[in-house]
Amino acid sequence: MILRGLQKCGQQRTAVQLAKQYYWAVSEVYKKTGTFWENYAPDMVDKGNQSRPDFCGWTAIVPISIYREFL
């Protein structure tokens, strides 16, 4: 939603930068833990508080939609 809003406001470069950062952070946590998580920490590159492992709900957006549409 944020990335699309930035695109609509003519901020394509910012949208791509944020998409790259988010993609990188999720991949770093995956490398460290070997799984995708239900949520991620907002202030560090780590899984979120009380986060379930092997959860591919919203996290599936990262390697599919964000990669395909922004990277």
Protein backbone atom coordinates (compact mmCIF):
# COMPACT_ATOMS: atom_id res chain seq x y z
CA MET A 1 0.00 0.00 0.00
CA ILE A 2 2.79 2.42 0.89
CA LEU A 3 4.79 1.54 -2.20
CA ARG A 4 1.78 2.02 -4.47
CA GLY A 5 0.98 5.35 -2.81
CA LEU A 6 4.52 6.54 -3.41
CA GLN A 7 4.23 5.52 -7.06
CA LYS A 8 0.97 7.43 -7.47
CA CYS A 9 2.60 10.53 -5.99
CA GLY A 10 5.47 10.35 -8.45
CA GLN A 11 7.94 9.00 -5.90
CA GLN A 12 9.02 5.91 -7.86
CA ARG A 13 12.65 6.16 -6.71
CA THR A 14 11.63 6.22 -3.04
CA ALA A 15 9.24 3.28 -3.57
CA VAL A 16 12.03 1.23 -5.15
CA GLN A 17 14.47 2.13 -2.37
CA LEU A 18 11.99 1.06 0.31
CA ALA A 19 11.16 -2.14 -1.58
CA LYS A 20 14.87 -3.02 -1.81
CA GLN A 21 15.41 -2.35 1.90
CA TYR A 22 12.40 -4.44 2.90
CA TYR A 23 13.40 -7.28 0.59
CA TRP A 24 16.96 -7.20 1.96
CA ALA A 25 15.78 -7.20 5.61
CA VAL A 26 13.46 -10.17 5.12
CA SER A 27 16.18 -12.10 3.30
CA GLU A 28 18.71 -11.37 6.07
CA VAL A 29 16.33 -12.71 8.72
CA TYR A 30 15.70 -15.76 6.55
CA LYS A 31 19.46 -16.37 6.21
CA LYS A 32 19.88 -16.06 9.98
CA THR A 33 16.91 -18.23 11.01
CA GLY A 34 16.18 -20.47 8.02
CA THR A 35 12.48 -19.56 7.94
CA PHE A 36 10.02 -16.80 7.11
CA TRP A 37 8.18 -15.17 10.00
CA GLU A 38 4.69 -13.90 10.66
CA ASN A 39 6.03 -10.40 11.29
CA TYR A 40 9.31 -8.53 11.55
CA ALA A 41 10.81 -6.09 14.05
CA PRO A 42 10.26 -2.47 13.02
CA ASP A 43 13.54 -1.18 14.44
CA MET A 44 16.07 -3.91 13.64
CA VAL A 45 16.69 -6.71 11.17
CA ASP A 46 15.06 -9.50 13.18
CA LYS A 47 11.83 -11.42 13.57
CA GLY A 48 9.03 -9.63 15.35
CA ASN A 49 7.92 -10.06 18.93
CA GLN A 50 5.70 -13.13 19.37
CA SER A 51 6.15 -14.06 15.74
CA ARG A 52 5.33 -17.51 14.36
CA PRO A 53 7.98 -19.27 12.24
CA ASP A 54 7.25 -20.95 8.89
CA PHE A 55 4.50 -18.43 8.27
CA CYS A 56 3.97 -17.38 4.69
CA GLY A 57 0.96 -15.08 5.00
CA TRP A 58 1.88 -11.45 4.32
CA THR A 59 5.54 -12.43 4.07
CA ALA A 60 4.81 -14.12 0.74
CA ILE A 61 4.32 -10.63 -0.70
CA VAL A 62 8.06 -9.99 -0.44
CA PRO A 63 9.54 -12.59 -2.80
CA ILE A 64 6.55 -12.51 -5.14
CA SER A 65 4.88 -9.11 -5.48
CA ILE A 66 7.58 -6.76 -4.24
CA TYR A 67 10.31 -8.47 -6.20
CA ARG A 68 8.24 -8.70 -9.35
CA GLU A 69 6.68 -5.25 -9.25
CA PHE A 70 9.40 -3.07 -7.73
CA LEU A 71 12.75 -4.77 -8.13
